[in-house]
Amino acid sequence: MKKLQILGAGCPKCQKLTEHAEKAAQALGIDYELEKVTEIDQIMSYGVMMTPALVVDGAVKVVGKVPSVEQLKTVIA
């Protein structure tokens, strides 16, 4: 099971990244767990200074932007 984490305070871009990540994971047909990380201390512990960010299985993959669903499929797979 993949662990997907969305780092961000819940801004519109964060919500869009959440939506795109879910669609990408569903399109890939993988088992995944999605967690939203909103605490600034936790976000900074990943070394992330710009949100939104996407963490896949503990590795920061996307920072400060919202890739398309197609782009996220590559990142998540």
C-alpha atoms as a PDB file:
ATOM      1  CA  MET A   1       0.000   0.000   0.000  1.00  0.00           C
ATOM      2  CA  LYS A   2       1.299   3.427  -0.978  1.00  0.00           C
ATOM      3  CA  LYS A   3       1.242   6.173   1.613  1.00  0.00           C
ATOM      4  CA  LEU A   4       0.377   9.539   0.075  1.00  0.00           C
ATOM      5  CA  GLN A   5       0.670  12.676   2.184  1.00  0.00           C
ATOM      6  CA  ILE A   6      -0.470  16.119   1.148  1.00  0.00           C
ATOM      7  CA  LEU A   7       1.485  18.821   2.958  1.00  0.00           C
ATOM      8  CA  GLY A   8      -0.344  22.131   3.233  1.00  0.00           C
ATOM      9  CA  ALA A   9      -2.696  24.241   5.301  1.00  0.00           C
ATOM     10  CA  GLY A  10      -5.765  23.430   3.226  1.00  0.00           C
ATOM     11  CA  CYS A  11      -5.538  26.221   0.658  1.00  0.00           C
ATOM     12  CA  PRO A  12      -7.297  25.795  -2.727  1.00  0.00           C
ATOM     13  CA  LYS A  13      -4.047  24.510  -4.308  1.00  0.00           C
ATOM     14  CA  CYS A  14      -3.706  21.950  -1.497  1.00  0.00           C
ATOM     15  CA  GLN A  15      -7.258  20.766  -2.127  1.00  0.00           C
ATOM     16  CA  LYS A  16      -6.575  20.531  -5.871  1.00  0.00           C
ATOM     17  CA  LEU A  17      -3.411  18.487  -5.268  1.00  0.00           C
ATOM     18  CA  THR A  18      -5.381  16.151  -2.980  1.00  0.00           C
ATOM     19  CA  GLU A  19      -8.035  15.702  -5.667  1.00  0.00           C
ATOM     20  CA  HIS A  20      -5.446  15.062  -8.415  1.00  0.00           C
ATOM     21  CA  ALA A  21      -3.443  12.625  -6.265  1.00  0.00           C
ATOM     22  CA  GLU A  22      -6.573  10.615  -5.447  1.00  0.00           C
ATOM     23  CA  LYS A  23      -7.621  10.485  -9.102  1.00  0.00           C
ATOM     24  CA  ALA A  24      -4.110   9.400 -10.153  1.00  0.00           C
ATOM     25  CA  ALA A  25      -3.937   6.646  -7.514  1.00  0.00           C
ATOM     26  CA  GLN A  26      -7.411   5.410  -8.460  1.00  0.00           C
ATOM     27  CA  ALA A  27      -6.522   5.447 -12.164  1.00  0.00           C
ATOM     28  CA  LEU A  28      -3.432   3.338 -11.385  1.00  0.00           C
ATOM     29  CA  GLY A  29      -5.624   0.939  -9.430  1.00  0.00           C
ATOM     30  CA  ILE A  30      -3.287   0.897  -6.428  1.00  0.00           C
ATOM     31  CA  ASP A  31      -4.064   0.556  -2.745  1.00  0.00           C
ATOM     32  CA  TYR A  32      -3.259   3.823  -1.054  1.00  0.00           C
ATOM     33  CA  GLU A  33      -3.700   5.716   2.170  1.00  0.00           C
ATOM     34  CA  LEU A  34      -4.081   9.478   1.937  1.00  0.00           C
ATOM     35  CA  GLU A  35      -3.113  11.717   4.813  1.00  0.00           C
ATOM     36  CA  LYS A  36      -3.326  15.496   5.018  1.00  0.00           C
ATOM     37  CA  VAL A  37      -0.504  17.100   6.976  1.00  0.00           C
ATOM     38  CA  THR A  38      -1.481  20.611   8.059  1.00  0.00           C
ATOM     39  CA  GLU A  39       0.818  21.253  11.039  1.00  0.00           C
ATOM     40  CA  ILE A  40       3.572  23.668   9.967  1.00  0.00           C
ATOM     41  CA  ASP A  41       6.154  21.891  12.169  1.00  0.00           C
ATOM     42  CA  GLN A  42       5.407  18.551  10.500  1.00  0.00           C
ATOM     43  CA  ILE A  43       5.541  20.131   7.037  1.00  0.00           C
ATOM     44  CA  MET A  44       8.919  21.726   7.810  1.00  0.00           C
ATOM     45  CA  SER A  45      10.252  18.399   9.136  1.00  0.00           C
ATOM     46  CA  TYR A  46      10.165  17.231   5.498  1.00  0.00           C
ATOM     47  CA  GLY A  47      12.302  20.209   4.499  1.00  0.00           C
ATOM     48  CA  VAL A  48       9.377  21.694   2.573  1.00  0.00           C
ATOM     49  CA  MET A  49       9.206  25.488   2.459  1.00  0.00           C
ATOM     50  CA  MET A  50       6.473  25.862  -0.171  1.00  0.00           C
ATOM     51  CA  THR A  51       3.090  24.182  -0.206  1.00  0.00           C
ATOM     52  CA  PRO A  52       1.326  22.282  -1.477  1.00  0.00           C
ATOM     53  CA  ALA A  53       3.660  19.300  -1.451  1.00  0.00           C
ATOM     54  CA  LEU A  54       3.169  15.596  -2.096  1.00  0.00           C
ATOM     55  CA  VAL A  55       5.039  12.916  -0.163  1.00  0.00           C
ATOM     56  CA  VAL A  56       4.944   9.337  -1.487  1.00  0.00           C
ATOM     57  CA  ASP A  57       6.081   6.627   0.923  1.00  0.00           C
ATOM     58  CA  GLY A  58       8.116   9.144   2.933  1.00  0.00           C
ATOM     59  CA  ALA A  59       9.842  10.810  -0.042  1.00  0.00           C
ATOM     60  CA  VAL A  60       8.979  14.375  -1.085  1.00  0.00           C
ATOM     61  CA  LYS A  61       7.987  14.214  -4.761  1.00  0.00           C
ATOM     62  CA  VAL A  62       6.224  17.513  -5.529  1.00  0.00           C
ATOM     63  CA  VAL A  63       6.715  20.959  -3.961  1.00  0.00           C
ATOM     64  CA  GLY A  64       4.912  24.238  -4.567  1.00  0.00           C
ATOM     65  CA  LYS A  65       2.809  23.205  -7.554  1.00  0.00           C
ATOM     66  CA  VAL A  66      -0.173  21.138  -8.629  1.00  0.00           C
ATOM     67  CA  PRO A  67       0.777  18.693 -11.390  1.00  0.00           C
ATOM     68  CA  SER A  68      -1.878  17.214 -13.646  1.00  0.00           C
ATOM     69  CA  VAL A  69      -3.430  13.825 -12.881  1.00  0.00           C
ATOM     70  CA  GLU A  70      -1.347  12.317 -15.722  1.00  0.00           C
ATOM     71  CA  GLN A  71       1.893  13.743 -14.294  1.00  0.00           C
ATOM     72  CA  LEU A  72       0.987  12.488 -10.822  1.00  0.00           C
ATOM     73  CA  LYS A  73       0.424   8.962 -12.119  1.00  0.00           C
ATOM     74  CA  THR A  74       4.131   8.858 -13.030  1.00  0.00           C
ATOM     75  CA  VAL A  75       5.159  10.313  -9.664  1.00  0.00           C
ATOM     76  CA  ILE A  76       3.006   7.912  -7.637  1.00  0.00           C
ATOM     77  CA  ALA A  77       3.744   4.777  -9.678  1.00  0.00           C
END
